[in-house]
Amino acid sequence: MPQLRIKDASSFLGVSDDTVRRWVDSGALEAQTDEAGRKVIDGYQVALLAREQAHTVADPSGVGRSARNRFVGLVTDIKRDTVMAQVEMQCGPFRVVSLMSSEAVDDLRLELGSVAIAVVKSTTVIVETPQGAS
């Protein structure tokens, strides 16, 4: 599962870093320690809490696009078969669902808790991941 640093988790949850640290200290959120010794939180755990908190997050990609409807969020569900997949994201207060090929899910390395950007143009939803995300 993807791991988020406390500052990133706080951004998705719409609270301060200190609030997330208090939640970790109280046991409301479970944290691990990464290779650099920093506390990190499971992305899917943050995604579920973000669904409850519903806060809008700024687009981290820094990419200019003509599409104005861009929603940054966390992947909360993936249903797939051999050809197609349904990807559900929690983007602040919005639940966004995209239908795409299973190959696209693999290419984007989407998994529960992944950071992704839903780009809505007309009736099409395109899911992107920030550059450098793994």
C-alpha atoms as a PDB file:
ATOM      1  CA  MET A   1       0.000   0.000   0.000  1.00  0.00           C
ATOM      2  CA  PRO A   2       1.181   3.544  -0.665  1.00  0.00           C
ATOM      3  CA  GLN A   3       2.472   5.401   2.375  1.00  0.00           C
ATOM      4  CA  LEU A   4       1.832   9.112   2.996  1.00  0.00           C
ATOM      5  CA  ARG A   5       3.932  11.415   5.129  1.00  0.00           C
ATOM      6  CA  ILE A   6       2.074  13.204   7.917  1.00  0.00           C
ATOM      7  CA  LYS A   7       2.161  16.557   6.079  1.00  0.00           C
ATOM      8  CA  ASP A   8       0.584  14.958   2.986  1.00  0.00           C
ATOM      9  CA  ALA A   9      -2.017  13.094   5.035  1.00  0.00           C
ATOM     10  CA  SER A  10      -2.936  16.366   6.773  1.00  0.00           C
ATOM     11  CA  SER A  11      -3.421  18.042   3.379  1.00  0.00           C
ATOM     12  CA  PHE A  12      -5.834  15.335   2.204  1.00  0.00           C
ATOM     13  CA  LEU A  13      -7.682  15.382   5.509  1.00  0.00           C
ATOM     14  CA  GLY A  14      -7.936  19.183   5.719  1.00  0.00           C
ATOM     15  CA  VAL A  15      -6.328  19.389   9.150  1.00  0.00           C
ATOM     16  CA  SER A  16      -2.981  20.504  10.536  1.00  0.00           C
ATOM     17  CA  ASP A  17       0.086  18.286  10.816  1.00  0.00           C
ATOM     18  CA  ASP A  18      -0.292  18.528  14.595  1.00  0.00           C
ATOM     19  CA  THR A  19      -3.850  17.171  14.407  1.00  0.00           C
ATOM     20  CA  VAL A  20      -2.659  14.139  12.436  1.00  0.00           C
ATOM     21  CA  ARG A  21       0.152  13.607  14.955  1.00  0.00           C
ATOM     22  CA  ARG A  22      -2.397  13.743  17.801  1.00  0.00           C
ATOM     23  CA  TRP A  23      -4.580  11.184  15.972  1.00  0.00           C
ATOM     24  CA  VAL A  24      -1.515   8.933  15.613  1.00  0.00           C
ATOM     25  CA  ASP A  25      -0.578   9.392  19.283  1.00  0.00           C
ATOM     26  CA  SER A  26      -4.152   8.603  20.391  1.00  0.00           C
ATOM     27  CA  GLY A  27      -4.367   5.527  18.153  1.00  0.00           C
ATOM     28  CA  ALA A  28      -7.052   6.967  15.847  1.00  0.00           C
ATOM     29  CA  LEU A  29      -4.592   6.590  12.939  1.00  0.00           C
ATOM     30  CA  GLU A  30      -1.893   3.949  12.716  1.00  0.00           C
ATOM     31  CA  ALA A  31       1.566   5.110  11.627  1.00  0.00           C
ATOM     32  CA  GLN A  32       4.690   3.235  10.624  1.00  0.00           C
ATOM     33  CA  THR A  33       8.263   4.466  10.225  1.00  0.00           C
ATOM     34  CA  ASP A  34       9.804   4.653   6.726  1.00  0.00           C
ATOM     35  CA  GLU A  35      13.435   3.971   5.780  1.00  0.00           C
ATOM     36  CA  ALA A  36      14.359   7.604   6.563  1.00  0.00           C
ATOM     37  CA  GLY A  37      12.889   7.354  10.073  1.00  0.00           C
ATOM     38  CA  ARG A  38       9.816   9.493   9.287  1.00  0.00           C
ATOM     39  CA  LYS A  39       6.318   8.567  10.395  1.00  0.00           C
ATOM     40  CA  VAL A  40       4.096   7.512   7.493  1.00  0.00           C
ATOM     41  CA  ILE A  41       0.458   6.479   7.296  1.00  0.00           C
ATOM     42  CA  ASP A  42      -1.132   3.919   4.995  1.00  0.00           C
ATOM     43  CA  GLY A  43      -2.680   5.774   2.036  1.00  0.00           C
ATOM     44  CA  TYR A  44      -5.841   3.659   2.070  1.00  0.00           C
ATOM     45  CA  GLN A  45      -6.441   4.426   5.767  1.00  0.00           C
ATOM     46  CA  VAL A  46      -6.128   8.142   4.905  1.00  0.00           C
ATOM     47  CA  ALA A  47      -8.463   7.654   1.900  1.00  0.00           C
ATOM     48  CA  LEU A  48     -11.179   6.199   4.122  1.00  0.00           C
ATOM     49  CA  LEU A  49     -10.802   9.017   6.647  1.00  0.00           C
ATOM     50  CA  ALA A  50     -10.741  11.589   3.807  1.00  0.00           C
ATOM     51  CA  ARG A  51     -14.069  10.208   2.612  1.00  0.00           C
ATOM     52  CA  GLU A  52     -15.476  11.058   6.037  1.00  0.00           C
ATOM     53  CA  GLN A  53     -13.713  14.454   6.283  1.00  0.00           C
ATOM     54  CA  ALA A  54     -14.395  15.626   2.650  1.00  0.00           C
ATOM     55  CA  HIS A  55     -11.876  18.470   2.051  1.00  0.00           C
ATOM     56  CA  THR A  56     -10.707  19.862  -1.318  1.00  0.00           C
ATOM     57  CA  VAL A  57      -6.972  19.432  -2.080  1.00  0.00           C
ATOM     58  CA  ALA A  58      -4.893  21.614  -4.427  1.00  0.00           C
ATOM     59  CA  ASP A  59      -3.614  19.965  -7.638  1.00  0.00           C
ATOM     60  CA  PRO A  60      -0.028  18.811  -6.936  1.00  0.00           C
ATOM     61  CA  SER A  61       0.855  18.105 -10.591  1.00  0.00           C
ATOM     62  CA  GLY A  62       1.778  21.665 -11.570  1.00  0.00           C
ATOM     63  CA  VAL A  63       0.639  20.854 -15.117  1.00  0.00           C
ATOM     64  CA  GLY A  64      -1.352  23.451 -17.086  1.00  0.00           C
ATOM     65  CA  ARG A  65      -4.372  22.024 -18.913  1.00  0.00           C
ATOM     66  CA  SER A  66      -7.399  23.313 -20.761  1.00  0.00           C
ATOM     67  CA  ALA A  67      -9.641  21.087 -18.649  1.00  0.00           C
ATOM     68  CA  ARG A  68     -10.755  23.141 -15.657  1.00  0.00           C
ATOM     69  CA  ASN A  69     -12.499  20.371 -13.764  1.00  0.00           C
ATOM     70  CA  ARG A  70      -9.612  18.668 -11.984  1.00  0.00           C
ATOM     71  CA  PHE A  71     -10.165  16.848  -8.731  1.00  0.00           C
ATOM     72  CA  VAL A  72      -7.234  15.644  -6.631  1.00  0.00           C
ATOM     73  CA  GLY A  73      -7.996  12.685  -4.429  1.00  0.00           C
ATOM     74  CA  LEU A  74      -7.225   9.218  -3.199  1.00  0.00           C
ATOM     75  CA  VAL A  75      -8.266   5.919  -4.759  1.00  0.00           C
ATOM     76  CA  THR A  76     -10.869   4.229  -2.544  1.00  0.00           C
ATOM     77  CA  ASP A  77     -11.961   1.269  -4.694  1.00  0.00           C
ATOM     78  CA  ILE A  78     -10.881  -0.606  -7.832  1.00  0.00           C
ATOM     79  CA  LYS A  79     -13.090  -3.210  -9.476  1.00  0.00           C
ATOM     80  CA  ARG A  80     -11.494  -4.877 -12.490  1.00  0.00           C
ATOM     81  CA  ASP A  81     -11.658  -7.792 -14.838  1.00  0.00           C
ATOM     82  CA  THR A  82      -9.283  -8.775 -17.634  1.00  0.00           C
ATOM     83  CA  VAL A  83     -10.277  -5.866 -19.914  1.00  0.00           C
ATOM     84  CA  MET A  84     -11.970  -3.038 -17.984  1.00  0.00           C
ATOM     85  CA  ALA A  85     -11.768  -1.460 -14.530  1.00  0.00           C
ATOM     86  CA  GLN A  86     -13.904   0.848 -12.419  1.00  0.00           C
ATOM     87  CA  VAL A  87     -11.803   3.197 -10.268  1.00  0.00           C
ATOM     88  CA  GLU A  88     -13.448   5.102  -7.422  1.00  0.00           C
ATOM     89  CA  MET A  89     -11.778   8.151  -5.872  1.00  0.00           C
ATOM     90  CA  GLN A  90     -12.589  10.418  -2.955  1.00  0.00           C
ATOM     91  CA  CYS A  91     -11.752  13.953  -4.096  1.00  0.00           C
ATOM     92  CA  GLY A  92     -12.522  16.213  -1.166  1.00  0.00           C
ATOM     93  CA  PRO A  93     -16.277  16.036  -0.714  1.00  0.00           C
ATOM     94  CA  PHE A  94     -16.704  14.389  -4.133  1.00  0.00           C
ATOM     95  CA  ARG A  95     -16.850  10.721  -5.046  1.00  0.00           C
ATOM     96  CA  VAL A  96     -15.562  10.346  -8.609  1.00  0.00           C
ATOM     97  CA  VAL A  97     -15.802   7.110 -10.575  1.00  0.00           C
ATOM     98  CA  SER A  98     -13.914   6.420 -13.800  1.00  0.00           C
ATOM     99  CA  LEU A  99     -14.202   3.507 -16.196  1.00  0.00           C
ATOM    100  CA  MET A 100     -10.908   2.675 -17.902  1.00  0.00           C
ATOM    101  CA  SER A 101      -9.014  -0.283 -19.248  1.00  0.00           C
ATOM    102  CA  SER A 102      -7.366  -2.618 -16.758  1.00  0.00           C
ATOM    103  CA  GLU A 103      -4.157  -1.887 -18.670  1.00  0.00           C
ATOM    104  CA  ALA A 104      -4.507   1.834 -17.793  1.00  0.00           C
ATOM    105  CA  VAL A 105      -4.864   0.949 -14.088  1.00  0.00           C
ATOM    106  CA  ASP A 106      -1.609  -1.008 -14.352  1.00  0.00           C
ATOM    107  CA  ASP A 107       0.164   1.731 -16.356  1.00  0.00           C
ATOM    108  CA  LEU A 108      -0.814   4.363 -13.763  1.00  0.00           C
ATOM    109  CA  ARG A 109       0.084   1.947 -10.948  1.00  0.00           C
ATOM    110  CA  LEU A 110      -3.206   2.724  -9.243  1.00  0.00           C
ATOM    111  CA  GLU A 111      -3.935   0.952  -5.995  1.00  0.00           C
ATOM    112  CA  LEU A 112      -6.055   1.629  -2.924  1.00  0.00           C
ATOM    113  CA  GLY A 113      -4.799   4.824  -1.295  1.00  0.00           C
ATOM    114  CA  SER A 114      -2.929   6.101  -4.391  1.00  0.00           C
ATOM    115  CA  VAL A 115      -2.916   9.846  -5.033  1.00  0.00           C
ATOM    116  CA  ALA A 116      -4.603  10.563  -8.363  1.00  0.00           C
ATOM    117  CA  ILE A 117      -6.205  13.448 -10.245  1.00  0.00           C
ATOM    118  CA  ALA A 118      -9.587  13.081 -11.941  1.00  0.00           C
ATOM    119  CA  VAL A 119      -9.850  15.334 -14.995  1.00  0.00           C
ATOM    120  CA  VAL A 120     -13.439  15.809 -16.113  1.00  0.00           C
ATOM    121  CA  LYS A 121     -14.022  17.006 -19.672  1.00  0.00           C
ATOM    122  CA  SER A 122     -17.581  16.673 -20.879  1.00  0.00           C
ATOM    123  CA  THR A 123     -18.669  13.117 -19.973  1.00  0.00           C
ATOM    124  CA  THR A 124     -15.149  11.671 -19.823  1.00  0.00           C
ATOM    125  CA  VAL A 125     -13.165  11.262 -16.606  1.00  0.00           C
ATOM    126  CA  ILE A 126      -9.408  10.913 -17.069  1.00  0.00           C
ATOM    127  CA  VAL A 127      -7.302   9.821 -14.087  1.00  0.00           C
ATOM    128  CA  GLU A 128      -3.707  11.077 -13.742  1.00  0.00           C
ATOM    129  CA  THR A 129      -1.018  10.567 -11.157  1.00  0.00           C
ATOM    130  CA  PRO A 130       1.494  13.254 -10.097  1.00  0.00           C
ATOM    131  CA  GLN A 131       4.876  13.147 -11.857  1.00  0.00           C
ATOM    132  CA  GLY A 132       7.366  11.090  -9.917  1.00  0.00           C
ATOM    133  CA  ALA A 133       4.665   9.163  -8.047  1.00  0.00           C
ATOM    134  CA  SER A 134       5.290   5.474  -7.702  1.00  0.00           C
END
